[in-house]
Amino acid sequence: MADIDANFFTDPDLVVDPYGYFDDLRSACPVHREPHHGVMMVTGYDEAVEIYNDSELFSACNSVSGPFPGISAPMEGDDVSAVIEAHRDDLPMADQIITFDPPKHTAHRSLLMRLITPKRLKENEEYMVRLADRQLDTFLGSGKCEFISQFAQPFALLVVADLMGVPDEDRERFRREMLHRPDDHSIGGTDEEAMAKNPLEFLYEQFSAYVEDRRANPADDVITGLATATFPDGSTPEVLDVVRIAANVFAAGTETTVRLLSTMLRYLAEDPDLQRRVRDDPSLIPNFVEETLRIESPVKGDFRLSRRPSTIGGVDIGAGTTVMVLNSAANRDPGRFPDPHTLDIERDNARHHLAFGRGAHTCPGAPLARSEARISLERILDRTIDIRIDEEIHGPPEARAFTYVPTFILRGLTHLGLRFEPVGAPAR
């Protein structure tokens, strides 16, 4: 049994495996106050949905930072909305759409939805197929790879670059600048100085130049559509407003998709029977994607800050309380998903997971992530005969060693060594 008084935000054992801790929290109460920072940890599915759907009562101002550092002003009285609005700009990532509340969030999200249209996604899918094959060509002949750096990261980055309309001649620069930086784990860390730094300077610079140029010289391209988009009231956004939307798509879309792709490949490489079933019946791939999202959500959870007193799951939550809605826990709630710790590619309600959140802040890139995962897996399976874990890197089945992104927000492997038999390889 896990220790429900463990410090979820700093305990390295809970980075490796948080699920026993989540189960024990839920068994104690689906809404439980942890003792170290006074955060209400929400592990029940119904309770999570209730909070996500109530953006008027629960502010997203602290969605990525939670209690670190938190609003320093006193949270007094039965309505702290005025305090939140007076101090929200002091919180980390306050300029990003993920921390906005309606109506500002609604207006800025409308800019984003100008990009992610069915027509644009269809065009993007055609590019994904070509890109997946091109990326596979770089290592298939060797019979092994480090999957995250050799496939998942460059694939996810260039898919988003194509979606955003980055010119072909600039894509190699994006790849070079975005993939050859020191690992940044400030999201979901407790280092306030690190969180205060903006890791997106390159994206801001590039997209500022694109938007300013297209506003002066419109063209028939995606960037012009983004540059000339207006808010619902007809007003024109500041250049920086548009740039922040673009940067957020890059940062969030790339990171979470990388974790999803690597988790899928790990499951397939660890389970020959699962791999055989998916190879024999590719129609199972979409539900396999959903079940992977359920059982290993790339985002463990999001924070909210309560504006007024409420009662969730029979527990009173006071005004000014930091709440962490744990997607990873809700997605393994046995009340919603029977046998929740088993990956079942035929689970009939797998798509009910909360990996993309719910409510006003539901991830707008969910259709993109699903397409990336499906197309990647189709091309990988079509071009290999067998995929397995590289035991020289991760050890034998009885003593596997994997490392995980060391944050309390993100969930995913840092490296994944694979070996495989490519189609057409000579017999050994």
Protein backbone atom coordinates (compact mmCIF):
# COMPACT_ATOMS: atom_id res chain seq x y z
CA MET A 1 0.00 0.00 0.00
CA ALA A 2 1.26 3.48 -0.88
CA ASP A 3 1.61 6.18 1.74
CA ILE A 4 -1.16 8.74 1.13
CA ASP A 5 0.86 11.24 3.15
CA ALA A 6 3.79 10.99 0.71
CA ASN A 7 4.75 14.21 -1.04
CA PHE A 8 3.43 13.72 -4.54
CA PHE A 9 5.26 16.81 -5.77
CA THR A 10 8.77 15.73 -4.77
CA ASP A 11 8.81 11.95 -4.16
CA PRO A 12 10.86 10.32 -6.97
CA ASP A 13 9.18 6.96 -6.39
CA LEU A 14 5.86 8.51 -7.39
CA VAL A 15 7.40 9.69 -10.66
CA VAL A 16 8.19 6.07 -11.53
CA ASP A 17 4.83 4.67 -10.42
CA PRO A 18 2.09 6.96 -9.07
CA TYR A 19 -0.77 4.52 -9.51
CA GLY A 20 -0.73 2.80 -6.13
CA TYR A 21 -0.71 6.23 -4.51
CA PHE A 22 -3.69 7.30 -6.63
CA ASP A 23 -5.61 4.14 -5.74
CA ASP A 24 -5.03 4.63 -2.04
CA LEU A 25 -6.04 8.30 -2.22
CA ARG A 26 -9.25 7.32 -4.00
CA SER A 27 -9.97 4.59 -1.46
CA ALA A 28 -9.57 7.09 1.36
CA CYS A 29 -11.69 9.70 -0.44
CA PRO A 30 -11.91 10.76 -4.10
CA VAL A 31 -11.26 14.34 -2.96
CA HIS A 32 -8.42 14.31 -0.43
CA ARG A 33 -6.29 17.14 0.96
CA GLU A 34 -2.60 16.26 0.81
CA PRO A 35 -0.63 17.45 3.86
CA HIS A 36 2.39 19.19 2.33
CA HIS A 37 0.85 22.06 0.36
CA GLY A 38 -2.84 21.77 1.21
CA VAL A 39 -3.76 20.75 -2.34
CA MET A 40 -7.07 18.94 -2.81
CA MET A 41 -6.17 15.84 -4.84
CA VAL A 42 -9.09 14.71 -7.01
CA THR A 43 -8.83 11.05 -8.02
CA GLY A 44 -12.46 10.14 -8.75
CA TYR A 45 -13.74 10.24 -12.33
CA ASP A 46 -17.10 11.89 -11.61
CA GLU A 47 -15.53 14.45 -9.32
CA ALA A 48 -12.89 15.31 -11.93
CA VAL A 49 -15.51 15.85 -14.63
CA GLU A 50 -17.57 18.05 -12.32
CA ILE A 51 -14.61 20.35 -11.67
CA TYR A 52 -13.47 20.48 -15.29
CA ASN A 53 -16.98 21.40 -16.41
CA ASP A 54 -17.29 24.30 -13.97
CA SER A 55 -14.85 26.94 -15.22
CA GLU A 56 -16.91 29.66 -13.57
CA LEU A 57 -16.30 28.26 -10.09
CA PHE A 58 -12.80 26.84 -10.65
CA SER A 59 -10.22 29.16 -12.24
CA ALA A 60 -7.47 27.80 -14.51
CA CYS A 61 -5.08 30.61 -13.53
CA ASN A 62 -2.78 28.09 -11.78
CA SER A 63 -3.37 25.20 -14.19
CA VAL A 64 0.32 24.31 -14.63
CA SER A 65 1.86 25.73 -11.47
CA GLY A 66 -0.55 24.78 -8.71
CA PRO A 67 0.83 25.92 -5.36
CA PHE A 68 4.25 26.84 -6.80
CA PRO A 69 4.44 29.72 -6.01
CA GLY A 70 0.71 30.33 -5.69
CA ILE A 71 -0.97 33.70 -5.21
CA SER A 72 0.76 35.50 -2.35
CA ALA A 73 -2.19 37.73 -1.41
CA PRO A 74 -4.51 36.57 1.39
CA MET A 75 -7.40 34.41 0.20
CA GLU A 76 -10.08 35.73 2.52
CA GLY A 77 -13.85 35.67 2.32
CA ASP A 78 -16.34 33.55 0.41
CA ASP A 79 -15.39 34.87 -3.04
CA VAL A 80 -11.74 35.40 -3.99
CA SER A 81 -12.39 36.21 -7.65
CA ALA A 82 -11.17 39.77 -7.23
CA VAL A 83 -7.93 38.56 -5.64
CA ILE A 84 -7.36 36.11 -8.49
CA GLU A 85 -7.87 38.77 -11.14
CA ALA A 86 -5.63 41.24 -9.32
CA HIS A 87 -2.74 38.79 -9.01
CA ARG A 88 -3.09 36.19 -11.78
CA ASP A 89 -0.42 37.89 -13.93
CA ASP A 90 2.13 37.13 -11.18
CA LEU A 91 1.70 33.39 -11.71
CA PRO A 92 3.91 31.30 -14.05
CA MET A 93 2.70 31.10 -17.68
CA ALA A 94 0.02 33.72 -17.03
CA ASP A 95 0.32 34.80 -20.68
CA GLN A 96 -0.62 31.35 -22.03
CA ILE A 97 -4.12 30.28 -23.05
CA ILE A 98 -4.05 27.27 -20.72
CA THR A 99 -4.23 29.64 -17.73
CA PHE A 100 -6.99 31.89 -19.12
CA ASP A 101 -10.59 31.82 -17.92
CA PRO A 102 -13.69 32.72 -19.94
CA PRO A 103 -14.44 35.07 -21.59
CA LYS A 104 -10.76 35.72 -22.41
CA HIS A 105 -10.10 32.02 -22.87
CA THR A 106 -13.08 31.70 -25.23
CA ALA A 107 -11.87 34.57 -27.40
CA HIS A 108 -8.30 33.29 -27.67
CA ARG A 109 -9.37 29.70 -28.24
CA SER A 110 -11.35 30.90 -31.25
CA LEU A 111 -8.05 31.93 -32.87
CA LEU A 112 -6.68 28.45 -32.35
CA MET A 113 -9.74 26.80 -33.85
CA ARG A 114 -9.06 28.71 -37.08
CA LEU A 115 -6.05 26.41 -37.44
CA ILE A 116 -7.46 23.06 -36.41
CA THR A 117 -10.21 22.60 -38.97
CA PRO A 118 -11.28 19.28 -40.55
CA LYS A 119 -9.89 20.41 -43.92
CA ARG A 120 -6.54 21.42 -42.43
CA LEU A 121 -6.27 18.19 -40.42
CA LYS A 122 -6.95 16.14 -43.55
CA GLU A 123 -4.16 17.94 -45.41
CA ASN A 124 -1.90 17.45 -42.39
CA GLU A 125 -2.60 13.69 -42.35
CA GLU A 126 -1.31 13.35 -45.90
CA TYR A 127 1.93 14.97 -44.78
CA MET A 128 2.12 12.68 -41.71
CA VAL A 129 2.24 9.54 -43.87
CA ARG A 130 5.15 10.87 -45.92
CA LEU A 131 6.95 12.17 -42.83
CA ALA A 132 6.57 8.90 -40.90
CA ASP A 133 8.13 6.94 -43.76
CA ARG A 134 10.90 9.48 -44.18
CA GLN A 135 11.74 9.31 -40.48
CA LEU A 136 11.65 5.51 -40.44
CA ASP A 137 14.06 5.46 -43.37
CA THR A 138 16.73 7.08 -41.17
CA PHE A 139 17.11 4.04 -38.89
CA LEU A 140 15.17 0.97 -40.06
CA GLY A 141 18.22 -0.51 -41.74
CA SER A 142 20.08 -0.69 -38.44
CA GLY A 143 17.50 -2.92 -36.74
CA LYS A 144 17.41 -0.73 -33.64
CA CYS A 145 16.69 2.82 -32.50
CA GLU A 146 16.20 5.16 -29.57
CA PHE A 147 12.59 5.74 -30.46
CA ILE A 148 11.98 9.09 -28.78
CA SER A 149 14.89 11.02 -30.30
CA GLN A 150 14.94 9.20 -33.64
CA PHE A 151 11.22 9.10 -34.36
CA ALA A 152 8.74 10.55 -31.86
CA GLN A 153 10.31 13.97 -31.27
CA PRO A 154 11.16 14.92 -34.87
CA PHE A 155 7.88 13.47 -36.14
CA ALA A 156 5.69 15.33 -33.63
CA LEU A 157 7.59 18.59 -34.12
CA LEU A 158 7.41 18.57 -37.91
CA VAL A 159 3.73 17.56 -37.91
CA VAL A 160 2.92 20.67 -35.89
CA ALA A 161 5.19 22.76 -38.13
CA ASP A 162 3.20 21.58 -41.14
CA LEU A 163 -0.13 22.23 -39.39
CA MET A 164 0.99 25.77 -38.56
CA GLY A 165 2.14 26.42 -42.12
CA VAL A 166 5.82 26.88 -41.35
CA PRO A 167 7.50 27.33 -44.76
CA ASP A 168 9.37 24.29 -46.03
CA GLU A 169 12.65 26.19 -46.12
CA ASP A 170 12.38 26.98 -42.38
CA ARG A 171 11.46 23.54 -41.07
CA GLU A 172 15.01 22.26 -40.72
CA ARG A 173 15.80 25.32 -38.60
CA PHE A 174 12.77 24.62 -36.39
CA ARG A 175 13.94 21.05 -36.00
CA ARG A 176 17.48 22.12 -35.16
CA GLU A 177 16.45 24.81 -32.69
CA MET A 178 13.69 22.88 -30.95
CA LEU A 179 15.29 19.42 -30.73
CA HIS A 180 18.85 20.33 -29.78
CA ARG A 181 18.20 22.16 -26.53
CA PRO A 182 18.84 20.98 -22.98
CA ASP A 183 15.86 19.12 -21.57
CA ASP A 184 13.43 21.56 -19.97
CA HIS A 185 11.29 20.15 -17.19
CA SER A 186 10.12 23.42 -15.69
CA ILE A 187 6.49 22.51 -16.29
CA GLY A 188 5.54 20.47 -13.29
CA GLY A 189 8.65 21.31 -11.32
CA THR A 190 8.96 23.18 -8.06
CA ASP A 191 11.85 25.45 -9.07
CA GLU A 192 10.21 28.87 -9.26
CA GLU A 193 13.20 30.45 -11.02
CA ALA A 194 13.14 27.78 -13.74
CA MET A 195 9.40 28.16 -14.21
CA ALA A 196 9.75 31.92 -14.55
CA LYS A 197 12.02 31.51 -17.57
CA ASN A 198 10.37 31.44 -20.97
CA PRO A 199 11.71 28.51 -23.05
CA LEU A 200 9.87 29.67 -26.17
CA GLU A 201 11.99 32.64 -27.31
CA PHE A 202 12.75 31.04 -30.67
CA LEU A 203 9.08 30.38 -31.41
CA TYR A 204 8.09 33.89 -30.35
CA GLU A 205 10.72 35.40 -32.62
CA GLN A 206 9.85 33.28 -35.63
CA PHE A 207 6.09 33.62 -35.42
CA SER A 208 6.25 37.34 -34.70
CA ALA A 209 8.11 37.73 -37.99
CA TYR A 210 5.62 35.51 -39.83
CA VAL A 211 2.53 37.28 -38.49
CA GLU A 212 3.86 40.79 -39.10
CA ASP A 213 4.90 39.87 -42.64
CA ARG A 214 1.54 38.25 -43.52
CA ARG A 215 -0.40 41.17 -42.13
CA ALA A 216 1.57 43.44 -44.42
CA ASN A 217 1.74 40.98 -47.33
CA PRO A 218 -1.16 38.47 -47.20
CA ALA A 219 -0.70 35.21 -49.08
CA ASP A 220 -2.78 32.12 -49.71
CA ASP A 221 -1.34 30.10 -46.84
CA VAL A 222 -2.01 28.89 -43.31
CA ILE A 223 0.07 31.58 -41.60
CA THR A 224 -1.95 34.31 -43.32
CA GLY A 225 -5.11 32.73 -41.95
CA LEU A 226 -3.67 32.82 -38.46
CA ALA A 227 -2.27 36.34 -38.86
CA THR A 228 -5.56 37.78 -40.09
CA ALA A 229 -7.90 35.93 -37.71
CA THR A 230 -10.08 38.11 -35.52
CA PHE A 231 -11.69 37.66 -32.14
CA PRO A 232 -15.43 36.81 -32.07
CA ASP A 233 -16.25 40.50 -31.57
CA GLY A 234 -14.42 41.38 -34.80
CA SER A 235 -11.41 42.99 -33.15
CA THR A 236 -7.88 42.24 -34.33
CA PRO A 237 -5.58 40.52 -31.81
CA GLU A 238 -2.21 41.97 -30.98
CA VAL A 239 0.64 40.20 -32.77
CA LEU A 240 1.82 38.78 -29.45
CA ASP A 241 -1.61 37.24 -28.78
CA VAL A 242 -1.37 35.30 -32.04
CA VAL A 243 2.25 34.34 -31.42
CA ARG A 244 1.43 32.94 -27.98
CA ILE A 245 -1.27 30.73 -29.49
CA ALA A 246 1.20 29.39 -32.06
CA ALA A 247 3.89 28.78 -29.45
CA ASN A 248 1.43 26.96 -27.18
CA VAL A 249 0.44 24.61 -30.00
CA PHE A 250 4.09 23.77 -30.58
CA ALA A 251 5.01 23.25 -26.95
CA ALA A 252 1.95 21.34 -25.78
CA GLY A 253 1.30 19.45 -28.99
CA THR A 254 4.83 18.17 -29.39
CA GLU A 255 5.56 17.16 -25.79
CA THR A 256 2.36 15.21 -25.10
CA THR A 257 2.37 13.44 -28.46
CA VAL A 258 5.95 12.26 -27.91
CA ARG A 259 4.90 10.67 -24.62
CA LEU A 260 1.86 9.00 -26.21
CA LEU A 261 3.84 7.53 -29.11
CA SER A 262 6.58 6.14 -26.88
CA THR A 263 4.08 4.60 -24.47
CA MET A 264 2.28 2.85 -27.31
CA LEU A 265 5.52 1.39 -28.64
CA ARG A 266 6.58 0.26 -25.19
CA TYR A 267 3.34 -1.67 -24.71
CA LEU A 268 3.66 -3.32 -28.10
CA ALA A 269 7.32 -4.20 -27.57
CA GLU A 270 6.63 -5.68 -24.12
CA ASP A 271 3.61 -7.79 -25.14
CA PRO A 272 4.05 -10.07 -28.21
CA ASP A 273 0.40 -11.17 -28.07
CA LEU A 274 -0.83 -7.56 -28.08
CA GLN A 275 1.53 -6.77 -30.97
CA ARG A 276 0.29 -9.77 -32.93
CA ARG A 277 -3.37 -8.82 -32.43
CA VAL A 278 -2.80 -5.25 -33.63
CA ARG A 279 -0.74 -6.44 -36.61
CA ASP A 280 -3.41 -8.98 -37.58
CA ASP A 281 -6.27 -6.50 -37.18
CA PRO A 282 -5.30 -2.86 -37.83
CA SER A 283 -8.91 -1.82 -37.11
CA LEU A 284 -7.94 -2.19 -33.43
CA ILE A 285 -5.41 0.65 -33.69
CA PRO A 286 -7.80 3.58 -32.96
CA ASN A 287 -9.07 1.96 -29.77
CA PHE A 288 -5.52 0.98 -28.81
CA VAL A 289 -4.66 4.69 -29.02
CA GLU A 290 -7.58 5.55 -26.73
CA GLU A 291 -6.74 2.81 -24.25
CA THR A 292 -3.11 3.93 -24.13
CA LEU A 293 -4.27 7.48 -23.42
CA ARG A 294 -6.47 6.14 -20.64
CA ILE A 295 -3.98 3.91 -18.90
CA GLU A 296 -0.94 6.21 -19.28
CA SER A 297 -2.20 9.77 -19.70
CA PRO A 298 0.63 12.03 -20.95
CA VAL A 299 -0.61 14.72 -18.56
CA LYS A 300 -1.07 13.43 -15.02
CA GLY A 301 -3.35 16.29 -14.08
CA ASP A 302 -4.21 19.98 -14.09
CA PHE A 303 -4.63 22.44 -11.26
CA ARG A 304 -7.56 24.73 -10.54
CA LEU A 305 -8.15 27.46 -7.95
CA SER A 306 -11.57 27.62 -6.32
CA ARG A 307 -13.21 31.04 -6.43
CA ARG A 308 -15.96 30.28 -3.93
CA PRO A 309 -16.83 27.50 -1.46
CA SER A 310 -18.21 24.30 -2.96
CA THR A 311 -18.79 20.65 -2.17
CA ILE A 312 -17.32 18.02 -4.50
CA GLY A 313 -17.69 14.31 -3.79
CA GLY A 314 -19.13 15.12 -0.39
CA VAL A 315 -16.04 17.13 0.57
CA ASP A 316 -16.14 20.85 1.32
CA ILE A 317 -13.68 22.95 -0.68
CA GLY A 318 -13.10 26.46 0.58
CA ALA A 319 -12.60 29.58 -1.50
CA GLY A 320 -8.95 30.00 -2.51
CA THR A 321 -8.17 26.27 -2.38
CA THR A 322 -5.76 24.77 -4.91
CA VAL A 323 -7.24 21.67 -6.51
CA MET A 324 -5.36 19.12 -8.62
CA VAL A 325 -7.58 17.17 -10.98
CA LEU A 326 -5.63 13.97 -11.60
CA ASN A 327 -6.46 12.69 -15.06
CA SER A 328 -4.21 9.68 -14.54
CA ALA A 329 -6.14 8.69 -11.42
CA ALA A 330 -9.61 9.37 -12.83
CA ASN A 331 -8.73 7.26 -15.87
CA ARG A 332 -8.12 4.29 -13.56
CA ASP A 333 -11.23 4.77 -11.43
CA PRO A 334 -12.75 1.27 -11.20
CA GLY A 335 -16.17 2.84 -10.89
CA ARG A 336 -15.84 3.99 -14.50
CA PHE A 337 -13.33 1.52 -15.99
CA PRO A 338 -13.54 -2.12 -14.78
CA ASP A 339 -10.16 -3.79 -14.24
CA PRO A 340 -8.61 -0.34 -14.70
CA HIS A 341 -4.93 -1.33 -14.50
CA THR A 342 -5.20 -3.69 -17.49
CA LEU A 343 -4.73 -2.40 -21.01
CA ASP A 344 -7.70 -3.78 -22.95
CA ILE A 345 -7.66 -2.81 -26.63
CA GLU A 346 -11.32 -3.82 -26.94
CA ARG A 347 -12.51 -1.78 -23.94
CA ASP A 348 -15.84 -0.33 -25.07
CA ASN A 349 -15.58 2.93 -23.14
CA ALA A 350 -11.86 3.63 -23.57
CA ARG A 351 -12.62 6.92 -25.33
CA HIS A 352 -14.32 8.24 -22.18
CA HIS A 353 -10.88 8.90 -20.68
CA LEU A 354 -9.88 12.37 -19.46
CA ALA A 355 -6.42 12.45 -21.02
CA PHE A 356 -7.45 15.50 -23.03
CA GLY A 357 -9.26 17.09 -20.10
CA ARG A 358 -12.91 18.07 -20.27
CA GLY A 359 -15.00 21.22 -20.42
CA ALA A 360 -13.84 24.62 -21.68
CA HIS A 361 -10.17 23.60 -21.61
CA THR A 362 -10.58 20.30 -23.46
CA CYS A 363 -7.42 19.93 -25.54
CA PRO A 364 -8.18 21.37 -29.00
CA GLY A 365 -5.33 19.31 -30.44
CA ALA A 366 -6.94 15.97 -29.54
CA PRO A 367 -7.89 15.13 -33.17
CA LEU A 368 -4.32 15.90 -34.24
CA ALA A 369 -2.79 13.69 -31.53
CA ARG A 370 -5.11 10.81 -32.42
CA SER A 371 -4.16 11.06 -36.09
CA GLU A 372 -0.44 11.23 -35.30
CA ALA A 373 -0.65 8.12 -33.13
CA ARG A 374 -2.75 6.13 -35.61
CA ILE A 375 -0.69 6.99 -38.68
CA SER A 376 2.65 6.46 -36.90
CA LEU A 377 1.61 3.03 -35.72
CA GLU A 378 0.21 2.02 -39.10
CA ARG A 379 3.46 2.90 -40.85
CA ILE A 380 5.68 1.35 -38.16
CA LEU A 381 3.78 -1.93 -38.17
CA ASP A 382 3.61 -2.00 -41.96
CA ARG A 383 7.37 -1.66 -42.22
CA THR A 384 8.45 -4.06 -39.47
CA ILE A 385 7.91 -7.71 -38.68
CA ASP A 386 8.67 -7.66 -34.98
CA ILE A 387 9.36 -4.98 -32.35
CA ARG A 388 10.90 -5.64 -28.94
CA ILE A 389 12.60 -3.83 -26.07
CA ASP A 390 16.35 -3.38 -26.41
CA GLU A 391 17.63 -5.36 -23.42
CA GLU A 392 21.09 -3.85 -23.68
CA ILE A 393 19.49 -0.53 -22.69
CA HIS A 394 16.54 -1.51 -20.48
CA GLY A 395 17.53 -4.90 -19.12
CA PRO A 396 15.74 -8.28 -19.28
CA PRO A 397 11.95 -8.64 -18.75
CA GLU A 398 12.34 -9.54 -15.08
CA ALA A 399 14.49 -6.47 -14.40
CA ARG A 400 13.39 -3.71 -16.75
CA ALA A 401 14.77 -0.21 -16.10
CA PHE A 402 12.96 2.82 -17.52
CA THR A 403 13.27 6.49 -16.62
CA TYR A 404 10.41 8.97 -16.60
CA VAL A 405 10.12 12.71 -17.13
CA PRO A 406 10.77 14.05 -13.59
CA THR A 407 7.74 16.30 -13.13
CA PHE A 408 4.41 16.09 -11.34
CA ILE A 409 2.51 17.24 -14.47
CA LEU A 410 3.85 15.13 -17.35
CA ARG A 411 3.95 11.34 -17.53
CA GLY A 412 6.20 9.59 -19.99
CA LEU A 413 9.49 7.91 -20.75
CA THR A 414 12.65 9.90 -21.32
CA HIS A 415 14.18 7.18 -23.53
CA LEU A 416 12.95 4.03 -25.27
CA GLY A 417 15.43 1.64 -26.87
CA LEU A 418 13.86 -0.72 -29.41
CA ARG A 419 15.03 -3.51 -31.62
CA PHE A 420 13.03 -4.71 -34.62
CA GLU A 421 13.01 -6.78 -37.74
CA PRO A 422 12.32 -4.53 -40.73
CA VAL A 423 10.29 -5.80 -43.67
CA GLY A 424 12.60 -7.15 -46.32
CA ALA A 425 15.54 -7.64 -43.96
CA PRO A 426 17.82 -10.58 -44.78
CA ALA A 427 17.35 -13.71 -42.71
CA ARG A 428 19.68 -14.01 -39.71
